[in-house]
Amino acid sequence: MWDAETMFSNDQALADAESDNIVDTGPKDAGKGHPLYLQVSTTSGASGALTVTLKTSNSADMSGAVTVATFIAPAERVAEGGVVLAAPIPSGCKRYLQLAYAGASGGGVSSGLVLGAHTANLN
């Protein structure tokens, strides 16, 4: 479950684009202490493998952003819908995070940060 402050996208049209929202993790390293997870879900109608790139910056406008991780959800999982990706946020992230989506199209994508990730259907 996400709230508005931890959501990157809320049923955003799935296309090669950046997430609608930038998440402010606060002044501490988001990957230290209790690990945060990135969780990504797709809706019906989505197709193709989904590449999700996690970018970080010290600036709210994401200027000077650097990529810290890239994740790939296989096409079969994307087509099924539901949770397609759950991965820990790496240590060393700056204050602001944003996602970039590529590869998949159709349907929608919702994503956000969670304290724990349900990954039973991802194995």
PDB file of N, CA and C in Angstrom:
ATOM      1  N   MET A   1       0.845  -1.171   0.000  1.00  0.00           N
ATOM      2  CA  MET A   1       0.000   0.000   0.000  1.00  0.00           C
ATOM      3  C   MET A   1       0.891   1.234   0.000  1.00  0.00           C
ATOM      4  N   TRP A   2       0.554   2.172  -0.864  1.00  0.00           N
ATOM      5  CA  TRP A   2       1.319   3.400  -0.979  1.00  0.00           C
ATOM      6  C   TRP A   2       0.496   4.576  -0.476  1.00  0.00           C
ATOM      7  N   ASP A   3       1.185   5.659  -0.169  1.00  0.00           N
ATOM      8  CA  ASP A   3       0.489   6.916   0.074  1.00  0.00           C
ATOM      9  C   ASP A   3       1.032   7.928  -0.934  1.00  0.00           C
ATOM     10  N   ALA A   4       0.430   9.090  -0.986  1.00  0.00           N
ATOM     11  CA  ALA A   4       0.788  10.083  -2.002  1.00  0.00           C
ATOM     12  C   ALA A   4       2.257  10.493  -1.936  1.00  0.00           C
ATOM     13  N   GLU A   5       2.864  10.444  -0.763  1.00  0.00           N
ATOM     14  CA  GLU A   5       4.256  10.881  -0.622  1.00  0.00           C
ATOM     15  C   GLU A   5       5.268   9.840  -1.069  1.00  0.00           C
ATOM     16  N   THR A   6       4.834   8.593  -1.233  1.00  0.00           N
ATOM     17  CA  THR A   6       5.778   7.542  -1.625  1.00  0.00           C
ATOM     18  C   THR A   6       5.465   6.949  -2.992  1.00  0.00           C
ATOM     19  N   MET A   7       4.537   7.556  -3.728  1.00  0.00           N
ATOM     20  CA  MET A   7       4.157   7.036  -5.047  1.00  0.00           C
ATOM     21  C   MET A   7       4.897   7.755  -6.171  1.00  0.00           C
ATOM     22  N   PHE A   8       5.436   6.958  -7.073  1.00  0.00           N
ATOM     23  CA  PHE A   8       6.026   7.492  -8.293  1.00  0.00           C
ATOM     24  C   PHE A   8       4.945   7.651  -9.361  1.00  0.00           C
ATOM     25  N   SER A   9       4.066   6.649  -9.457  1.00  0.00           N
ATOM     26  CA  SER A   9       3.018   6.645 -10.482  1.00  0.00           C
ATOM     27  C   SER A   9       1.763   6.005  -9.911  1.00  0.00           C
ATOM     28  N   ASN A  10       0.600   6.512 -10.344  1.00  0.00           N
ATOM     29  CA  ASN A  10      -0.678   5.948  -9.944  1.00  0.00           C
ATOM     30  C   ASN A  10      -1.498   5.701 -11.204  1.00  0.00           C
ATOM     31  N   ASP A  11      -1.422   4.494 -11.721  1.00  0.00           N
ATOM     32  CA  ASP A  11      -2.081   4.095 -12.960  1.00  0.00           C
ATOM     33  C   ASP A  11      -1.708   5.030 -14.119  1.00  0.00           C
ATOM     34  N   GLN A  12      -0.427   5.373 -14.152  1.00  0.00           N
ATOM     35  CA  GLN A  12       0.117   6.200 -15.239  1.00  0.00           C
ATOM     36  C   GLN A  12       0.103   5.393 -16.529  1.00  0.00           C
ATOM     37  N   ALA A  13      -0.243   6.026 -17.641  1.00  0.00           N
ATOM     38  CA  ALA A  13      -0.215   5.339 -18.931  1.00  0.00           C
ATOM     39  C   ALA A  13       1.185   4.777 -19.160  1.00  0.00           C
ATOM     40  N   LEU A  14       1.237   3.512 -19.500  1.00  0.00           N
ATOM     41  CA  LEU A  14       2.519   2.834 -19.658  1.00  0.00           C
ATOM     42  C   LEU A  14       3.115   3.144 -21.021  1.00  0.00           C
ATOM     43  N   ALA A  15       4.218   3.869 -21.009  1.00  0.00           N
ATOM     44  CA  ALA A  15       4.931   4.268 -22.225  1.00  0.00           C
ATOM     45  C   ALA A  15       6.354   4.614 -21.823  1.00  0.00           C
ATOM     46  N   ASP A  16       7.224   4.836 -22.787  1.00  0.00           N
ATOM     47  CA  ASP A  16       8.584   5.256 -22.491  1.00  0.00           C
ATOM     48  C   ASP A  16       8.523   6.679 -21.932  1.00  0.00           C
ATOM     49  N   ALA A  17       8.633   6.794 -20.620  1.00  0.00           N
ATOM     50  CA  ALA A  17       8.487   8.099 -19.961  1.00  0.00           C
ATOM     51  C   ALA A  17       9.014   8.018 -18.536  1.00  0.00           C
ATOM     52  N   GLU A  18       9.140   9.182 -17.926  1.00  0.00           N
ATOM     53  CA  GLU A  18       9.507   9.237 -16.516  1.00  0.00           C
ATOM     54  C   GLU A  18       8.241   9.167 -15.677  1.00  0.00           C
ATOM     55  N   SER A  19       8.400   8.750 -14.430  1.00  0.00           N
ATOM     56  CA  SER A  19       7.261   8.688 -13.528  1.00  0.00           C
ATOM     57  C   SER A  19       6.663  10.073 -13.332  1.00  0.00           C
ATOM     58  N   ASP A  20       5.351  10.103 -13.090  1.00  0.00           N
ATOM     59  CA  ASP A  20       4.652  11.371 -12.880  1.00  0.00           C
ATOM     60  C   ASP A  20       5.189  12.125 -11.665  1.00  0.00           C
ATOM     61  N   ASN A  21       5.638  11.385 -10.662  1.00  0.00           N
ATOM     62  CA  ASN A  21       6.046  12.002  -9.397  1.00  0.00           C
ATOM     63  C   ASN A  21       7.504  11.731  -9.054  1.00  0.00           C
ATOM     64  N   ILE A  22       8.070  12.653  -8.303  1.00  0.00           N
ATOM     65  CA  ILE A  22       9.404  12.523  -7.712  1.00  0.00           C
ATOM     66  C   ILE A  22       9.188  12.325  -6.225  1.00  0.00           C
ATOM     67  N   VAL A  23       9.867  11.342  -5.641  1.00  0.00           N
ATOM     68  CA  VAL A  23       9.694  11.040  -4.221  1.00  0.00           C
ATOM     69  C   VAL A  23      10.841  11.652  -3.419  1.00  0.00           C
ATOM     70  N   ASP A  24      10.477  12.389  -2.387  1.00  0.00           N
ATOM     71  CA  ASP A  24      11.439  12.986  -1.458  1.00  0.00           C
ATOM     72  C   ASP A  24      11.597  12.028  -0.287  1.00  0.00           C
ATOM     73  N   THR A  25      12.781  11.438  -0.156  1.00  0.00           N
ATOM     74  CA  THR A  25      13.018  10.466   0.913  1.00  0.00           C
ATOM     75  C   THR A  25      13.504  11.119   2.198  1.00  0.00           C
ATOM     76  N   GLY A  26      13.706  12.429   2.173  1.00  0.00           N
ATOM     77  CA  GLY A  26      14.221  13.122   3.345  1.00  0.00           C
ATOM     78  C   GLY A  26      15.735  13.202   3.286  1.00  0.00           C
ATOM     79  N   PRO A  27      16.327  13.799   4.302  1.00  0.00           N
ATOM     80  CA  PRO A  27      17.760  14.062   4.257  1.00  0.00           C
ATOM     81  C   PRO A  27      18.664  12.846   4.467  1.00  0.00           C
ATOM     82  N   LYS A  28      18.120  11.712   4.878  1.00  0.00           N
ATOM     83  CA  LYS A  28      18.959  10.529   5.123  1.00  0.00           C
ATOM     84  C   LYS A  28      18.982   9.618   3.914  1.00  0.00           C
ATOM     85  N   ASP A  29      19.993   8.780   3.816  1.00  0.00           N
ATOM     86  CA  ASP A  29      20.143   7.786   2.753  1.00  0.00           C
ATOM     87  C   ASP A  29      18.967   6.810   2.805  1.00  0.00           C
ATOM     88  N   ALA A  30      18.159   6.763   1.759  1.00  0.00           N
ATOM     89  CA  ALA A  30      16.953   5.931   1.720  1.00  0.00           C
ATOM     90  C   ALA A  30      17.265   4.444   1.822  1.00  0.00           C
ATOM     91  N   GLY A  31      18.459   4.021   1.463  1.00  0.00           N
ATOM     92  CA  GLY A  31      18.786   2.600   1.473  1.00  0.00           C
ATOM     93  C   GLY A  31      19.360   2.089   2.775  1.00  0.00           C
ATOM     94  N   LYS A  32      19.581   2.957   3.757  1.00  0.00           N
ATOM     95  CA  LYS A  32      20.168   2.542   5.034  1.00  0.00           C
ATOM     96  C   LYS A  32      19.079   2.295   6.067  1.00  0.00           C
ATOM     97  N   GLY A  33      19.417   1.503   7.084  1.00  0.00           N
ATOM     98  CA  GLY A  33      18.465   1.234   8.156  1.00  0.00           C
ATOM     99  C   GLY A  33      17.429   0.236   7.698  1.00  0.00           C
ATOM    100  N   HIS A  34      16.160   0.536   7.922  1.00  0.00           N
ATOM    101  CA  HIS A  34      15.079  -0.335   7.466  1.00  0.00           C
ATOM    102  C   HIS A  34      14.989  -0.203   5.953  1.00  0.00           C
ATOM    103  N   PRO A  35      15.259  -1.283   5.238  1.00  0.00           N
ATOM    104  CA  PRO A  35      15.307  -1.164   3.779  1.00  0.00           C
ATOM    105  C   PRO A  35      13.955  -0.798   3.179  1.00  0.00           C
ATOM    106  N   LEU A  36      14.003   0.106   2.223  1.00  0.00           N
ATOM    107  CA  LEU A  36      12.832   0.462   1.438  1.00  0.00           C
ATOM    108  C   LEU A  36      12.855  -0.361   0.163  1.00  0.00           C
ATOM    109  N   TYR A  37      11.684  -0.718  -0.306  1.00  0.00           N
ATOM    110  CA  TYR A  37      11.567  -1.475  -1.537  1.00  0.00           C
ATOM    111  C   TYR A  37      10.808  -0.667  -2.576  1.00  0.00           C
ATOM    112  N   LEU A  38      11.211  -0.833  -3.794  1.00  0.00           N
ATOM    113  CA  LEU A  38      10.470  -0.319  -4.928  1.00  0.00           C
ATOM    114  C   LEU A  38       9.503  -1.416  -5.332  1.00  0.00           C
ATOM    115  N   GLN A  39       8.237  -1.069  -5.467  1.00  0.00           N
ATOM    116  CA  GLN A  39       7.241  -2.036  -5.916  1.00  0.00           C
ATOM    117  C   GLN A  39       6.529  -1.443  -7.128  1.00  0.00           C
ATOM    118  N   VAL A  40       6.429  -2.244  -8.195  1.00  0.00           N
ATOM    119  CA  VAL A  40       5.836  -1.794  -9.447  1.00  0.00           C
ATOM    120  C   VAL A  40       4.747  -2.778  -9.849  1.00  0.00           C
ATOM    121  N   SER A  41       3.587  -2.246 -10.228  1.00  0.00           N
ATOM    122  CA  SER A  41       2.457  -3.054 -10.687  1.00  0.00           C
ATOM    123  C   SER A  41       1.995  -2.555 -12.047  1.00  0.00           C
ATOM    124  N   THR A  42       1.460  -3.482 -12.856  1.00  0.00           N
ATOM    125  CA  THR A  42       0.857  -3.097 -14.126  1.00  0.00           C
ATOM    126  C   THR A  42      -0.602  -3.536 -14.132  1.00  0.00           C
ATOM    127  N   THR A  43      -1.382  -2.913 -15.016  1.00  0.00           N
ATOM    128  CA  THR A  43      -2.783  -3.268 -15.171  1.00  0.00           C
ATOM    129  C   THR A  43      -2.964  -4.065 -16.447  1.00  0.00           C
ATOM    130  N   SER A  44      -4.154  -4.607 -16.619  1.00  0.00           N
ATOM    131  CA  SER A  44      -4.422  -5.381 -17.827  1.00  0.00           C
ATOM    132  C   SER A  44      -4.237  -4.508 -19.065  1.00  0.00           C
ATOM    133  N   GLY A  45      -3.860  -5.146 -20.138  1.00  0.00           N
ATOM    134  CA  GLY A  45      -3.620  -4.425 -21.379  1.00  0.00           C
ATOM    135  C   GLY A  45      -2.162  -4.076 -21.598  1.00  0.00           C
ATOM    136  N   ALA A  46      -1.325  -4.273 -20.583  1.00  0.00           N
ATOM    137  CA  ALA A  46       0.105  -3.989 -20.718  1.00  0.00           C
ATOM    138  C   ALA A  46       0.780  -5.131 -21.465  1.00  0.00           C
ATOM    139  N   SER A  47       1.798  -4.793 -22.245  1.00  0.00           N
ATOM    140  CA  SER A  47       2.544  -5.832 -22.955  1.00  0.00           C
ATOM    141  C   SER A  47       3.996  -5.413 -23.135  1.00  0.00           C
ATOM    142  N   GLY A  48       4.852  -6.415 -23.272  1.00  0.00           N
ATOM    143  CA  GLY A  48       6.279  -6.181 -23.467  1.00  0.00           C
ATOM    144  C   GLY A  48       7.030  -6.175 -22.155  1.00  0.00           C
ATOM    145  N   ALA A  49       8.324  -6.431 -22.227  1.00  0.00           N
ATOM    146  CA  ALA A  49       9.179  -6.366 -21.034  1.00  0.00           C
ATOM    147  C   ALA A  49       9.262  -4.916 -20.578  1.00  0.00           C
ATOM    148  N   LEU A  50       9.254  -4.711 -19.270  1.00  0.00           N
ATOM    149  CA  LEU A  50       9.291  -3.366 -18.704  1.00  0.00           C
ATOM    150  C   LEU A  50      10.644  -3.130 -18.047  1.00  0.00           C
ATOM    151  N   THR A  51      11.360  -2.131 -18.529  1.00  0.00           N
ATOM    152  CA  THR A  51      12.612  -1.720 -17.900  1.00  0.00           C
ATOM    153  C   THR A  51      12.312  -0.509 -17.026  1.00  0.00           C
ATOM    154  N   VAL A  52      12.700  -0.600 -15.761  1.00  0.00           N
ATOM    155  CA  VAL A  52      12.481   0.480 -14.798  1.00  0.00           C
ATOM    156  C   VAL A  52      13.845   0.959 -14.321  1.00  0.00           C
ATOM    157  N   THR A  53      14.129   2.225 -14.539  1.00  0.00           N
ATOM    158  CA  THR A  53      15.399   2.814 -14.129  1.00  0.00           C
ATOM    159  C   THR A  53      15.150   3.733 -12.942  1.00  0.00           C
ATOM    160  N   LEU A  54      15.914   3.539 -11.880  1.00  0.00           N
ATOM    161  CA  LEU A  54      15.820   4.367 -10.675  1.00  0.00           C
ATOM    162  C   LEU A  54      16.898   5.432 -10.731  1.00  0.00           C
ATOM    163  N   LYS A  55      16.456   6.699 -10.685  1.00  0.00           N
ATOM    164  CA  LYS A  55      17.384   7.828 -10.723  1.00  0.00           C
ATOM    165  C   LYS A  55      17.315   8.576  -9.391  1.00  0.00           C
ATOM    166  N   THR A  56      18.417   9.233  -9.035  1.00  0.00           N
ATOM    167  CA  THR A  56      18.470   9.971  -7.778  1.00  0.00           C
ATOM    168  C   THR A  56      19.184  11.300  -7.985  1.00  0.00           C
ATOM    169  N   SER A  57      18.801  12.275  -7.149  1.00  0.00           N
ATOM    170  CA  SER A  57      19.379  13.620  -7.245  1.00  0.00           C
ATOM    171  C   SER A  57      19.290  14.307  -5.896  1.00  0.00           C
ATOM    172  N   ASN A  58      20.126  15.290  -5.682  1.00  0.00           N
ATOM    173  CA  ASN A  58      20.028  16.141  -4.494  1.00  0.00           C
ATOM    174  C   ASN A  58      19.042  17.280  -4.709  1.00  0.00           C
ATOM    175  N   SER A  59      18.532  17.410  -5.927  1.00  0.00           N
ATOM    176  CA  SER A  59      17.666  18.518  -6.290  1.00  0.00           C
ATOM    177  C   SER A  59      16.250  18.031  -6.597  1.00  0.00           C
ATOM    178  N   ALA A  60      15.247  18.763  -6.114  1.00  0.00           N
ATOM    179  CA  ALA A  60      13.849  18.396  -6.326  1.00  0.00           C
ATOM    180  C   ALA A  60      13.454  18.400  -7.798  1.00  0.00           C
ATOM    181  N   ASP A  61      14.166  19.134  -8.639  1.00  0.00           N
ATOM    182  CA  ASP A  61      13.851  19.143 -10.071  1.00  0.00           C
ATOM    183  C   ASP A  61      14.633  18.061 -10.830  1.00  0.00           C
ATOM    184  N   MET A  62      15.336  17.214 -10.094  1.00  0.00           N
ATOM    185  CA  MET A  62      16.109  16.088 -10.620  1.00  0.00           C
ATOM    186  C   MET A  62      17.269  16.517 -11.515  1.00  0.00           C
ATOM    187  N   SER A  63      17.701  17.776 -11.403  1.00  0.00           N
ATOM    188  CA  SER A  63      18.876  18.194 -12.158  1.00  0.00           C
ATOM    189  C   SER A  63      20.091  17.432 -11.630  1.00  0.00           C
ATOM    190  N   GLY A  64      20.966  17.054 -12.508  1.00  0.00           N
ATOM    191  CA  GLY A  64      22.151  16.292 -12.133  1.00  0.00           C
ATOM    192  C   GLY A  64      21.854  14.866 -11.690  1.00  0.00           C
ATOM    193  N   ALA A  65      20.684  14.352 -12.053  1.00  0.00           N
ATOM    194  CA  ALA A  65      20.293  13.000 -11.634  1.00  0.00           C
ATOM    195  C   ALA A  65      21.263  11.954 -12.172  1.00  0.00           C
ATOM    196  N   VAL A  66      21.475  10.916 -11.368  1.00  0.00           N
ATOM    197  CA  VAL A  66      22.286   9.774 -11.773  1.00  0.00           C
ATOM    198  C   VAL A  66      21.457   8.506 -11.619  1.00  0.00           C
ATOM    199  N   THR A  67      21.735   7.533 -12.460  1.00  0.00           N
ATOM    200  CA  THR A  67      21.063   6.242 -12.375  1.00  0.00           C
ATOM    201  C   THR A  67      21.743   5.399 -11.313  1.00  0.00           C
ATOM    202  N   VAL A  68      20.936   4.827 -10.402  1.00  0.00           N
ATOM    203  CA  VAL A  68      21.498   3.972  -9.362  1.00  0.00           C
ATOM    204  C   VAL A  68      21.143   2.506  -9.554  1.00  0.00           C
ATOM    205  N   ALA A  69      20.107   2.222 -10.326  1.00  0.00           N
ATOM    206  CA  ALA A  69      19.731   0.824 -10.570  1.00  0.00           C
ATOM    207  C   ALA A  69      18.794   0.744 -11.767  1.00  0.00           C
ATOM    208  N   THR A  70      18.845  -0.388 -12.445  1.00  0.00           N
ATOM    209  CA  THR A  70      17.919  -0.688 -13.529  1.00  0.00           C
ATOM    210  C   THR A  70      17.362  -2.082 -13.287  1.00  0.00           C
ATOM    211  N   PHE A  71      16.040  -2.208 -13.400  1.00  0.00           N
ATOM    212  CA  PHE A  71      15.350  -3.476 -13.156  1.00  0.00           C
ATOM    213  C   PHE A  71      14.534  -3.821 -14.395  1.00  0.00           C
ATOM    214  N   ILE A  72      14.367  -5.122 -14.649  1.00  0.00           N
ATOM    215  CA  ILE A  72      13.578  -5.558 -15.801  1.00  0.00           C
ATOM    216  C   ILE A  72      12.518  -6.549 -15.340  1.00  0.00           C
ATOM    217  N   ALA A  73      11.265  -6.253 -15.684  1.00  0.00           N
ATOM    218  CA  ALA A  73      10.151  -7.176 -15.452  1.00  0.00           C
ATOM    219  C   ALA A  73       9.864  -7.863 -16.792  1.00  0.00           C
ATOM    220  N   PRO A  74       9.889  -9.204 -16.818  1.00  0.00           N
ATOM    221  CA  PRO A  74       9.674  -9.919 -18.085  1.00  0.00           C
ATOM    222  C   PRO A  74       8.280  -9.675 -18.674  1.00  0.00           C
ATOM    223  N   ALA A  75       8.179  -9.774 -19.977  1.00  0.00           N
ATOM    224  CA  ALA A  75       6.928  -9.532 -20.685  1.00  0.00           C
ATOM    225  C   ALA A  75       5.783 -10.394 -20.159  1.00  0.00           C
ATOM    226  N   GLU A  76       6.059 -11.647 -19.833  1.00  0.00           N
ATOM    227  CA  GLU A  76       4.999 -12.543 -19.343  1.00  0.00           C
ATOM    228  C   GLU A  76       4.394 -12.007 -18.042  1.00  0.00           C
ATOM    229  N   ARG A  77       5.246 -11.508 -17.159  1.00  0.00           N
ATOM    230  CA  ARG A  77       4.783 -10.974 -15.875  1.00  0.00           C
ATOM    231  C   ARG A  77       4.003  -9.681 -16.090  1.00  0.00           C
ATOM    232  N   VAL A  78       4.493  -8.829 -16.974  1.00  0.00           N
ATOM    233  CA  VAL A  78       3.820  -7.559 -17.271  1.00  0.00           C
ATOM    234  C   VAL A  78       2.427  -7.830 -17.823  1.00  0.00           C
ATOM    235  N   ALA A  79       2.292  -8.810 -18.731  1.00  0.00           N
ATOM    236  CA  ALA A  79       1.003  -9.138 -19.336  1.00  0.00           C
ATOM    237  C   ALA A  79       0.013  -9.677 -18.308  1.00  0.00           C
ATOM    238  N   GLU A  80       0.507 -10.388 -17.283  1.00  0.00           N
ATOM    239  CA  GLU A  80      -0.370 -10.925 -16.236  1.00  0.00           C
ATOM    240  C   GLU A  80      -0.939  -9.815 -15.366  1.00  0.00           C
ATOM    241  N   GLY A  81      -0.203  -8.731 -15.227  1.00  0.00           N
ATOM    242  CA  GLY A  81      -0.634  -7.622 -14.378  1.00  0.00           C
ATOM    243  C   GLY A  81      -0.358  -7.908 -12.911  1.00  0.00           C
ATOM    244  N   GLY A  82      -0.694  -6.974 -12.069  1.00  0.00           N
ATOM    245  CA  GLY A  82      -0.391  -7.078 -10.647  1.00  0.00           C
ATOM    246  C   GLY A  82       1.051  -6.668 -10.397  1.00  0.00           C
ATOM    247  N   VAL A  83       1.608  -7.122  -9.273  1.00  0.00           N
ATOM    248  CA  VAL A  83       2.982  -6.766  -8.927  1.00  0.00           C
ATOM    249  C   VAL A  83       3.928  -7.461  -9.900  1.00  0.00           C
ATOM    250  N   VAL A  84       4.716  -6.679 -10.615  1.00  0.00           N
ATOM    251  CA  VAL A  84       5.647  -7.228 -11.604  1.00  0.00           C
ATOM    252  C   VAL A  84       7.099  -7.069 -11.180  1.00  0.00           C
ATOM    253  N   LEU A  85       7.331  -6.243 -10.164  1.00  0.00           N
ATOM    254  CA  LEU A  85       8.692  -5.973  -9.727  1.00  0.00           C
ATOM    255  C   LEU A  85       8.688  -5.537  -8.271  1.00  0.00           C
ATOM    256  N   ALA A  86       9.592  -6.102  -7.498  1.00  0.00           N
ATOM    257  CA  ALA A  86       9.811  -5.688  -6.112  1.00  0.00           C
ATOM    258  C   ALA A  86      11.308  -5.823  -5.858  1.00  0.00           C
ATOM    259  N   ALA A  87      11.951  -4.717  -5.524  1.00  0.00           N
ATOM    260  CA  ALA A  87      13.402  -4.728  -5.356  1.00  0.00           C
ATOM    261  C   ALA A  87      13.810  -3.712  -4.292  1.00  0.00           C
ATOM    262  N   PRO A  88      14.855  -4.032  -3.517  1.00  0.00           N
ATOM    263  CA  PRO A  88      15.305  -3.072  -2.507  1.00  0.00           C
ATOM    264  C   PRO A  88      15.940  -1.837  -3.149  1.00  0.00           C
ATOM    265  N   ILE A  89      15.733  -0.694  -2.505  1.00  0.00           N
ATOM    266  CA  ILE A  89      16.387   0.543  -2.927  1.00  0.00           C
ATOM    267  C   ILE A  89      17.834   0.458  -2.466  1.00  0.00           C
ATOM    268  N   PRO A  90      18.795   0.625  -3.358  1.00  0.00           N
ATOM    269  CA  PRO A  90      20.195   0.495  -2.951  1.00  0.00           C
ATOM    270  C   PRO A  90      20.645   1.627  -2.023  1.00  0.00           C
ATOM    271  N   SER A  91      21.603   1.338  -1.187  1.00  0.00           N
ATOM    272  CA  SER A  91      22.209   2.344  -0.320  1.00  0.00           C
ATOM    273  C   SER A  91      22.958   3.348  -1.190  1.00  0.00           C
ATOM    274  N   GLY A  92      23.069   4.563  -0.714  1.00  0.00           N
ATOM    275  CA  GLY A  92      23.811   5.580  -1.445  1.00  0.00           C
ATOM    276  C   GLY A  92      22.935   6.516  -2.255  1.00  0.00           C
ATOM    277  N   CYS A  93      21.617   6.347  -2.150  1.00  0.00           N
ATOM    278  CA  CYS A  93      20.726   7.245  -2.893  1.00  0.00           C
ATOM    279  C   CYS A  93      20.729   8.634  -2.268  1.00  0.00           C
ATOM    280  N   LYS A  94      20.520   9.605  -3.118  1.00  0.00           N
ATOM    281  CA  LYS A  94      20.392  10.987  -2.658  1.00  0.00           C
ATOM    282  C   LYS A  94      18.947  11.211  -2.220  1.00  0.00           C
ATOM    283  N   ARG A  95      18.609  12.435  -1.883  1.00  0.00           N
ATOM    284  CA  ARG A  95      17.312  12.739  -1.288  1.00  0.00           C
ATOM    285  C   ARG A  95      16.110  12.463  -2.200  1.00  0.00           C
ATOM    286  N   TYR A  96      16.220  12.747  -3.492  1.00  0.00           N
ATOM    287  CA  TYR A  96      15.082  12.646  -4.402  1.00  0.00           C
ATOM    288  C   TYR A  96      15.250  11.457  -5.344  1.00  0.00           C
ATOM    289  N   LEU A  97      14.139  10.765  -5.585  1.00  0.00           N
ATOM    290  CA  LEU A  97      14.136   9.593  -6.463  1.00  0.00           C
ATOM    291  C   LEU A  97      13.066   9.755  -7.528  1.00  0.00           C
ATOM    292  N   GLN A  98      13.360   9.256  -8.731  1.00  0.00           N
ATOM    293  CA  GLN A  98      12.389   9.233  -9.813  1.00  0.00           C
ATOM    294  C   GLN A  98      12.641   7.985 -10.647  1.00  0.00           C
ATOM    295  N   LEU A  99      11.586   7.481 -11.266  1.00  0.00           N
ATOM    296  CA  LEU A  99      11.699   6.319 -12.132  1.00  0.00           C
ATOM    297  C   LEU A  99      11.581   6.734 -13.587  1.00  0.00           C
ATOM    298  N   ALA A 100      12.161   5.928 -14.456  1.00  0.00           N
ATOM    299  CA  ALA A 100      11.943   6.043 -15.895  1.00  0.00           C
ATOM    300  C   ALA A 100      11.509   4.667 -16.373  1.00  0.00           C
ATOM    301  N   TYR A 101      10.461   4.633 -17.199  1.00  0.00           N
ATOM    302  CA  TYR A 101       9.920   3.388 -17.734  1.00  0.00           C
ATOM    303  C   TYR A 101      10.278   3.287 -19.210  1.00  0.00           C
ATOM    304  N   ALA A 102      10.548   2.070 -19.663  1.00  0.00           N
ATOM    305  CA  ALA A 102      10.839   1.852 -21.084  1.00  0.00           C
ATOM    306  C   ALA A 102      10.444   0.439 -21.473  1.00  0.00           C
ATOM    307  N   GLY A 103      10.099   0.274 -22.738  1.00  0.00           N
ATOM    308  CA  GLY A 103       9.883  -1.054 -23.311  1.00  0.00           C
ATOM    309  C   GLY A 103       8.446  -1.509 -23.374  1.00  0.00           C
ATOM    310  N   ALA A 104       7.718  -1.462 -22.283  1.00  0.00           N
ATOM    311  CA  ALA A 104       6.342  -1.949 -22.263  1.00  0.00           C
ATOM    312  C   ALA A 104       5.390  -0.847 -22.689  1.00  0.00           C
ATOM    313  N   SER A 105       4.200  -1.243 -23.132  1.00  0.00           N
ATOM    314  CA  SER A 105       3.212  -0.251 -23.533  1.00  0.00           C
ATOM    315  C   SER A 105       1.816  -0.787 -23.255  1.00  0.00           C
ATOM    316  N   GLY A 106       0.837   0.088 -23.379  1.00  0.00           N
ATOM    317  CA  GLY A 106      -0.544  -0.292 -23.105  1.00  0.00           C
ATOM    318  C   GLY A 106      -0.759  -0.433 -21.608  1.00  0.00           C
ATOM    319  N   GLY A 107      -1.981  -0.391 -21.177  1.00  0.00           N
ATOM    320  CA  GLY A 107      -2.278  -0.537 -19.760  1.00  0.00           C
ATOM    321  C   GLY A 107      -1.714   0.612 -18.946  1.00  0.00           C
ATOM    322  N   GLY A 108      -1.571   0.384 -17.662  1.00  0.00           N
ATOM    323  CA  GLY A 108      -1.063   1.415 -16.766  1.00  0.00           C
ATOM    324  C   GLY A 108      -0.034   0.845 -15.817  1.00  0.00           C
ATOM    325  N   VAL A 109       0.688   1.743 -15.175  1.00  0.00           N
ATOM    326  CA  VAL A 109       1.702   1.348 -14.205  1.00  0.00           C
ATOM    327  C   VAL A 109       1.493   2.162 -12.934  1.00  0.00           C
ATOM    328  N   SER A 110       1.603   1.465 -11.805  1.00  0.00           N
ATOM    329  CA  SER A 110       1.589   2.106 -10.489  1.00  0.00           C
ATOM    330  C   SER A 110       2.856   1.672  -9.781  1.00  0.00           C
ATOM    331  N   SER A 111       3.483   2.598  -9.075  1.00  0.00           N
ATOM    332  CA  SER A 111       4.738   2.260  -8.408  1.00  0.00           C
ATOM    333  C   SER A 111       4.941   3.156  -7.204  1.00  0.00           C
ATOM    334  N   GLY A 112       5.697   2.630  -6.251  1.00  0.00           N
ATOM    335  CA  GLY A 112       5.989   3.410  -5.066  1.00  0.00           C
ATOM    336  C   GLY A 112       6.979   2.695  -4.172  1.00  0.00           C
ATOM    337  N   LEU A 113       7.269   3.331  -3.046  1.00  0.00           N
ATOM    338  CA  LEU A 113       8.174   2.766  -2.055  1.00  0.00           C
ATOM    339  C   LEU A 113       7.360   2.125  -0.943  1.00  0.00           C
ATOM    340  N   VAL A 114       7.815   0.973  -0.486  1.00  0.00           N
ATOM    341  CA  VAL A 114       7.179   0.275   0.626  1.00  0.00           C
ATOM    342  C   VAL A 114       8.265  -0.185   1.591  1.00  0.00           C
ATOM    343  N   LEU A 115       7.897  -0.406   2.860  1.00  0.00           N
ATOM    344  CA  LEU A 115       8.872  -0.878   3.845  1.00  0.00           C
ATOM    345  C   LEU A 115       9.195  -2.344   3.675  1.00  0.00           C
ATOM    346  N   GLY A 116       8.291  -3.106   3.155  1.00  0.00           N
ATOM    347  CA  GLY A 116       8.525  -4.520   2.876  1.00  0.00           C
ATOM    348  C   GLY A 116       7.861  -4.813   1.554  1.00  0.00           C
ATOM    349  N   ALA A 117       8.301  -5.847   0.886  1.00  0.00           N
ATOM    350  CA  ALA A 117       7.715  -6.156  -0.430  1.00  0.00           C
ATOM    351  C   ALA A 117       7.216  -7.586  -0.441  1.00  0.00           C
ATOM    352  N   HIS A 118       6.001  -7.763  -0.924  1.00  0.00           N
ATOM    353  CA  HIS A 118       5.447  -9.099  -1.109  1.00  0.00           C
ATOM    354  C   HIS A 118       5.959  -9.627  -2.438  1.00  0.00           C
ATOM    355  N   THR A 119       6.780 -10.664  -2.376  1.00  0.00           N
ATOM    356  CA  THR A 119       7.423 -11.144  -3.591  1.00  0.00           C
ATOM    357  C   THR A 119       7.075 -12.592  -3.918  1.00  0.00           C
ATOM    358  N   ALA A 120       6.087 -13.168  -3.246  1.00  0.00           N
ATOM    359  CA  ALA A 120       5.778 -14.583  -3.435  1.00  0.00           C
ATOM    360  C   ALA A 120       5.499 -14.933  -4.895  1.00  0.00           C
ATOM    361  N   ASN A 121       4.803 -14.061  -5.630  1.00  0.00           N
ATOM    362  CA  ASN A 121       4.471 -14.370  -7.016  1.00  0.00           C
ATOM    363  C   ASN A 121       5.576 -13.972  -7.997  1.00  0.00           C
ATOM    364  N   LEU A 122       6.695 -13.498  -7.503  1.00  0.00           N
ATOM    365  CA  LEU A 122       7.778 -13.072  -8.387  1.00  0.00           C
ATOM    366  C   LEU A 122       8.895 -14.086  -8.506  1.00  0.00           C
ATOM    367  N   ASN A 123       8.789 -15.197  -7.824  1.00  0.00           N
ATOM    368  CA  ASN A 123       9.867 -16.200  -7.851  1.00  0.00           C
ATOM    369  C   ASN A 123       9.687 -17.168  -8.985  1.00  0.00           C
TER     370      ASN A 123
END
